[in-house]
Amino acid sequence: MAIIKQNLFSGEKITTVLRVLKINRSTYYKWLHFTPSAHELVAEQLKHVITTLHDKIPIYGALRLTLWLQKLGYSISQRRV
């Protein structure tokens, strides 16, 4: 999307830039006003925590990581891990 911003700053119209790049206007505006949902934010946080735990003890699998996360206070299933 940096290409779009560069062309807009150079004075091109948004419709022209999007037509050349073959991007629908609705797609561009959806991206422009995108806000992640609460579920996506929690998933990103869990991903960071799981990665950190797995880096500490790489031999732990999903079952042990799930138990460890539950002891830390997360309400999470093995399937989500």
C-alpha atoms as a PDB file:
ATOM      1  CA  MET A   1       0.000   0.000   0.000  1.00  0.00           C
ATOM      2  CA  ALA A   2       3.050   2.246   0.113  1.00  0.00           C
ATOM      3  CA  ILE A   3       2.846   2.498  -3.690  1.00  0.00           C
ATOM      4  CA  ILE A   4      -0.643   3.949  -3.403  1.00  0.00           C
ATOM      5  CA  LYS A   5       0.469   6.524  -0.835  1.00  0.00           C
ATOM      6  CA  GLN A   6       3.440   7.574  -2.991  1.00  0.00           C
ATOM      7  CA  ASN A   7       1.219   8.121  -6.010  1.00  0.00           C
ATOM      8  CA  LEU A   8      -1.361  10.024  -4.002  1.00  0.00           C
ATOM      9  CA  PHE A   9       1.323  12.369  -2.671  1.00  0.00           C
ATOM     10  CA  SER A  10       2.541  12.974  -6.224  1.00  0.00           C
ATOM     11  CA  GLY A  11      -0.917  14.246  -7.155  1.00  0.00           C
ATOM     12  CA  GLU A  12      -2.524  11.250  -8.853  1.00  0.00           C
ATOM     13  CA  LYS A  13      -6.206  10.532  -8.302  1.00  0.00           C
ATOM     14  CA  ILE A  14      -7.061   7.538  -6.163  1.00  0.00           C
ATOM     15  CA  THR A  15      -9.273   6.032  -8.861  1.00  0.00           C
ATOM     16  CA  THR A  16      -6.442   6.170 -11.403  1.00  0.00           C
ATOM     17  CA  VAL A  17      -3.913   4.611  -9.039  1.00  0.00           C
ATOM     18  CA  LEU A  18      -6.272   1.805  -8.062  1.00  0.00           C
ATOM     19  CA  ARG A  19      -7.237   1.102 -11.675  1.00  0.00           C
ATOM     20  CA  VAL A  20      -3.571   0.794 -12.713  1.00  0.00           C
ATOM     21  CA  LEU A  21      -2.838  -1.501  -9.765  1.00  0.00           C
ATOM     22  CA  LYS A  22      -6.030  -3.493 -10.453  1.00  0.00           C
ATOM     23  CA  ILE A  23      -7.357  -3.016  -6.926  1.00  0.00           C
ATOM     24  CA  ASN A  24     -11.057  -2.457  -6.248  1.00  0.00           C
ATOM     25  CA  ARG A  25     -11.936   0.781  -4.483  1.00  0.00           C
ATOM     26  CA  SER A  26     -13.941  -1.165  -1.896  1.00  0.00           C
ATOM     27  CA  THR A  27     -10.875  -3.286  -1.094  1.00  0.00           C
ATOM     28  CA  TYR A  28      -8.738  -0.177  -0.644  1.00  0.00           C
ATOM     29  CA  TYR A  29     -11.240   1.542   1.645  1.00  0.00           C
ATOM     30  CA  LYS A  30     -11.785  -1.641   3.650  1.00  0.00           C
ATOM     31  CA  TRP A  31      -8.012  -1.858   4.175  1.00  0.00           C
ATOM     32  CA  LEU A  32      -7.803   1.856   4.979  1.00  0.00           C
ATOM     33  CA  HIS A  33     -10.409   1.645   7.749  1.00  0.00           C
ATOM     34  CA  PHE A  34      -9.481  -1.817   9.031  1.00  0.00           C
ATOM     35  CA  THR A  35      -9.518  -2.380  12.792  1.00  0.00           C
ATOM     36  CA  PRO A  36      -8.753  -5.819  14.199  1.00  0.00           C
ATOM     37  CA  SER A  37     -11.474  -7.510  16.209  1.00  0.00           C
ATOM     38  CA  ALA A  38     -11.123  -8.363  19.892  1.00  0.00           C
ATOM     39  CA  HIS A  39     -10.653 -12.039  18.976  1.00  0.00           C
ATOM     40  CA  GLU A  40      -7.802 -11.166  16.600  1.00  0.00           C
ATOM     41  CA  LEU A  41      -6.106  -9.053  19.269  1.00  0.00           C
ATOM     42  CA  VAL A  42      -6.326 -11.873  21.823  1.00  0.00           C
ATOM     43  CA  ALA A  43      -5.086 -14.377  19.231  1.00  0.00           C
ATOM     44  CA  GLU A  44      -2.058 -12.173  18.510  1.00  0.00           C
ATOM     45  CA  GLN A  45      -1.276 -11.876  22.221  1.00  0.00           C
ATOM     46  CA  LEU A  46      -1.603 -15.646  22.690  1.00  0.00           C
ATOM     47  CA  LYS A  47       0.616 -16.253  19.680  1.00  0.00           C
ATOM     48  CA  HIS A  48       3.316 -14.094  21.269  1.00  0.00           C
ATOM     49  CA  VAL A  49       2.999 -15.855  24.652  1.00  0.00           C
ATOM     50  CA  ILE A  50       3.038 -19.338  23.103  1.00  0.00           C
ATOM     51  CA  THR A  51       6.071 -18.495  20.974  1.00  0.00           C
ATOM     52  CA  THR A  52       7.906 -17.142  24.018  1.00  0.00           C
ATOM     53  CA  LEU A  53       7.103 -20.243  26.081  1.00  0.00           C
ATOM     54  CA  HIS A  54       8.083 -22.554  23.243  1.00  0.00           C
ATOM     55  CA  ASP A  55      11.392 -20.715  22.802  1.00  0.00           C
ATOM     56  CA  LYS A  56      12.150 -21.260  26.506  1.00  0.00           C
ATOM     57  CA  ILE A  57      11.390 -24.988  26.420  1.00  0.00           C
ATOM     58  CA  PRO A  58      11.229 -26.198  22.800  1.00  0.00           C
ATOM     59  CA  ILE A  59      10.478 -29.828  23.706  1.00  0.00           C
ATOM     60  CA  TYR A  60       7.048 -28.918  25.094  1.00  0.00           C
ATOM     61  CA  GLY A  61       4.181 -29.853  22.805  1.00  0.00           C
ATOM     62  CA  ALA A  62       0.631 -28.571  22.647  1.00  0.00           C
ATOM     63  CA  LEU A  63      -0.526 -30.491  25.719  1.00  0.00           C
ATOM     64  CA  ARG A  64       2.192 -29.200  28.052  1.00  0.00           C
ATOM     65  CA  LEU A  65       1.941 -25.672  26.651  1.00  0.00           C
ATOM     66  CA  THR A  66      -1.820 -25.749  27.250  1.00  0.00           C
ATOM     67  CA  LEU A  67      -1.361 -26.828  30.857  1.00  0.00           C
ATOM     68  CA  TRP A  68       1.292 -24.173  31.387  1.00  0.00           C
ATOM     69  CA  LEU A  69      -0.913 -21.445  29.915  1.00  0.00           C
ATOM     70  CA  GLN A  70      -3.837 -22.571  32.067  1.00  0.00           C
ATOM     71  CA  LYS A  71      -1.630 -22.298  35.165  1.00  0.00           C
ATOM     72  CA  LEU A  72      -0.753 -18.762  34.052  1.00  0.00           C
ATOM     73  CA  GLY A  73      -4.470 -17.926  34.002  1.00  0.00           C
ATOM     74  CA  TYR A  74      -5.345 -18.224  30.330  1.00  0.00           C
ATOM     75  CA  SER A  75      -8.590 -19.969  29.467  1.00  0.00           C
ATOM     76  CA  ILE A  76      -7.368 -21.922  26.460  1.00  0.00           C
ATOM     77  CA  SER A  77      -7.808 -25.371  24.955  1.00  0.00           C
ATOM     78  CA  GLN A  78      -5.183 -27.681  23.533  1.00  0.00           C
ATOM     79  CA  ARG A  79      -6.749 -27.318  20.107  1.00  0.00           C
ATOM     80  CA  ARG A  80      -6.183 -23.563  20.099  1.00  0.00           C
ATOM     81  CA  VAL A  81      -2.551 -23.984  21.138  1.00  0.00           C
END
